[in-house]
Amino acid sequence: MKIIDIFIIISGIGQIFTALVYPFIRHRVFDWYNDVKKLKPLNQEIAKTYGRYIQGLNFGFGSIALTCTTELQNGSRLAIALTGLMAAYWVGKVATQIAYYPMYDIPKNALFKWGGYGMNLLFVWFAVTNTGLVLLNIFYR
């Protein structure tokens, strides 16, 4: 097994993990469900739908990483397109975290503090791994 395989597998496990903990974070950290209840019914459904999209993409990207580890680095146009999509998604997530999230008050207990650091580290890992895969697929195949 190559080091890049290990990076992809760690990324895949991490992305599935983020999908699984996403409901907990929305509920316990952000009190998201109470905020959504304040919206008009259609806007509530839109917010919930986008929440499910995020959760589904995280799970889907993780599943692809775990089941298609070799294919994600084979230099094909599909590998470039898929790793490019995943890189754009995670780079956008990291940029959003940096640009907007520090403005908001997040609970200060140790679990949320260290959990926040851990999640941000994972997001950077996903962004770097997938950006590296795009470059690998474009330039080294």
Protein backbone atom coordinates (compact mmCIF):
# COMPACT_ATOMS: atom_id res chain seq x y z
CA MET A 1 0.00 0.00 0.00
CA LYS A 2 1.34 3.42 -1.01
CA ILE A 3 1.35 6.45 1.26
CA ILE A 4 -1.20 8.17 -0.99
CA ASP A 5 -3.55 5.21 -0.44
CA ILE A 6 -3.26 5.73 3.31
CA PHE A 7 -3.98 9.45 2.90
CA ILE A 8 -7.08 8.68 0.82
CA ILE A 9 -8.31 6.05 3.30
CA ILE A 10 -7.85 8.39 6.26
CA SER A 11 -9.70 11.04 4.28
CA GLY A 12 -12.51 8.62 3.49
CA ILE A 13 -12.94 7.52 7.10
CA GLY A 14 -12.84 11.15 8.22
CA GLN A 15 -15.46 12.25 5.71
CA ILE A 16 -17.82 9.48 6.81
CA PHE A 17 -17.15 10.46 10.42
CA THR A 18 -18.09 14.09 9.67
CA ALA A 19 -21.33 12.91 8.09
CA LEU A 20 -22.18 10.81 11.13
CA VAL A 21 -21.45 13.54 13.70
CA TYR A 22 -23.07 16.32 11.67
CA PRO A 23 -26.51 15.95 13.34
CA PHE A 24 -24.91 16.05 16.80
CA ILE A 25 -22.97 19.20 15.94
CA ARG A 26 -26.03 20.92 14.50
CA HIS A 27 -28.10 20.06 17.57
CA ARG A 28 -25.64 20.38 20.46
CA VAL A 29 -23.18 23.00 19.25
CA PHE A 30 -25.27 25.29 17.07
CA ASP A 31 -28.80 24.75 18.46
CA TRP A 32 -29.66 24.59 14.78
CA TYR A 33 -33.08 22.96 15.08
CA ASN A 34 -34.44 25.71 17.33
CA ASP A 35 -33.16 28.36 14.93
CA VAL A 36 -34.69 26.58 11.94
CA LYS A 37 -38.07 26.50 13.70
CA LYS A 38 -38.10 30.32 13.53
CA LEU A 39 -38.11 30.24 9.73
CA LYS A 40 -41.17 30.10 7.49
CA PRO A 41 -42.18 26.50 6.69
CA LEU A 42 -40.73 26.51 3.16
CA ASN A 43 -37.45 27.98 4.41
CA GLN A 44 -37.36 25.34 7.15
CA GLU A 45 -37.55 22.62 4.51
CA ILE A 46 -34.91 24.30 2.37
CA ALA A 47 -32.54 24.55 5.35
CA LYS A 48 -33.14 20.91 6.27
CA THR A 49 -32.62 19.84 2.66
CA TYR A 50 -29.29 21.65 2.43
CA GLY A 51 -28.26 20.10 5.73
CA ARG A 52 -28.99 16.67 4.27
CA TYR A 53 -27.05 17.57 1.10
CA ILE A 54 -24.00 18.41 3.19
CA GLN A 55 -24.32 15.22 5.20
CA GLY A 56 -24.88 13.16 2.05
CA LEU A 57 -21.94 14.68 0.20
CA ASN A 58 -19.62 14.07 3.15
CA PHE A 59 -20.76 10.45 3.39
CA GLY A 60 -20.66 9.96 -0.37
CA PHE A 61 -17.19 11.43 -0.76
CA GLY A 62 -15.96 9.26 2.09
CA SER A 63 -17.50 6.15 0.59
CA ILE A 64 -15.94 6.91 -2.80
CA ALA A 65 -12.54 7.42 -1.16
CA LEU A 66 -12.77 4.06 0.61
CA THR A 67 -14.12 2.03 -2.31
CA CYS A 68 -12.29 3.70 -5.21
CA THR A 69 -8.90 4.48 -3.69
CA THR A 70 -6.96 3.33 -6.75
CA GLU A 71 -9.36 4.86 -9.25
CA LEU A 72 -9.07 8.29 -7.62
CA GLN A 73 -5.40 8.39 -8.57
CA ASN A 74 -5.36 6.75 -12.01
CA GLY A 75 -5.07 9.97 -14.02
CA SER A 76 -8.35 9.51 -15.92
CA ARG A 77 -10.59 12.44 -16.75
CA LEU A 78 -13.12 11.05 -14.29
CA ALA A 79 -10.50 10.93 -11.53
CA ILE A 80 -9.54 14.54 -12.29
CA ALA A 81 -13.18 15.63 -12.32
CA LEU A 82 -14.13 13.83 -9.13
CA THR A 83 -11.06 14.78 -7.12
CA GLY A 84 -11.46 18.33 -8.45
CA LEU A 85 -15.04 18.43 -7.20
CA MET A 86 -14.03 17.04 -3.82
CA ALA A 87 -11.10 19.47 -3.55
CA ALA A 88 -13.31 22.45 -4.43
CA TYR A 89 -15.90 21.37 -1.89
CA TRP A 90 -13.40 21.02 0.95
CA VAL A 91 -11.31 24.08 0.06
CA GLY A 92 -14.58 26.04 0.04
CA LYS A 93 -15.47 24.59 3.42
CA VAL A 94 -12.11 25.59 4.90
CA ALA A 95 -12.39 29.08 3.41
CA THR A 96 -15.88 29.44 4.87
CA GLN A 97 -14.66 28.27 8.28
CA ILE A 98 -11.89 30.86 8.27
CA ALA A 99 -13.95 33.73 6.85
CA TYR A 100 -17.22 33.40 8.73
CA TYR A 101 -17.23 31.03 11.68
CA PRO A 102 -14.92 32.98 14.03
CA MET A 103 -17.61 35.69 14.17
CA TYR A 104 -20.05 33.41 15.96
CA ASP A 105 -20.21 32.29 19.56
CA ILE A 106 -19.70 28.56 19.91
CA PRO A 107 -19.95 26.86 23.33
CA LYS A 108 -16.66 27.06 25.20
CA ASN A 109 -16.53 23.70 27.00
CA ALA A 110 -13.56 21.43 26.30
CA LEU A 111 -15.44 18.94 24.12
CA PHE A 112 -16.60 21.61 21.70
CA LYS A 113 -13.30 23.51 21.78
CA TRP A 114 -11.16 20.47 21.00
CA GLY A 115 -13.83 19.04 18.73
CA GLY A 116 -13.74 22.25 16.73
CA TYR A 117 -9.98 22.01 16.36
CA GLY A 118 -10.29 18.36 15.32
CA MET A 119 -13.00 19.05 12.76
CA ASN A 120 -11.04 21.94 11.27
CA LEU A 121 -7.97 19.72 11.06
CA LEU A 122 -10.04 17.10 9.24
CA PHE A 123 -11.42 19.69 6.81
CA VAL A 124 -7.89 20.85 6.01
CA TRP A 125 -6.81 17.20 5.59
CA PHE A 126 -9.65 16.61 3.11
CA ALA A 127 -8.82 19.81 1.19
CA VAL A 128 -5.10 19.04 1.01
CA THR A 129 -5.57 15.36 0.15
CA ASN A 130 -8.04 16.03 -2.65
CA THR A 131 -6.11 19.00 -4.03
CA GLY A 132 -3.02 16.79 -4.04
CA LEU A 133 -4.95 14.11 -5.90
CA VAL A 134 -6.06 16.59 -8.55
CA LEU A 135 -2.47 17.67 -9.08
CA LEU A 136 -1.27 14.07 -9.08
CA ASN A 137 -3.88 13.15 -11.66
CA ILE A 138 -3.14 16.13 -13.91
CA PHE A 139 0.63 16.31 -13.77
CA TYR A 140 1.98 12.91 -12.83
CA ARG A 141 -0.01 10.46 -14.91
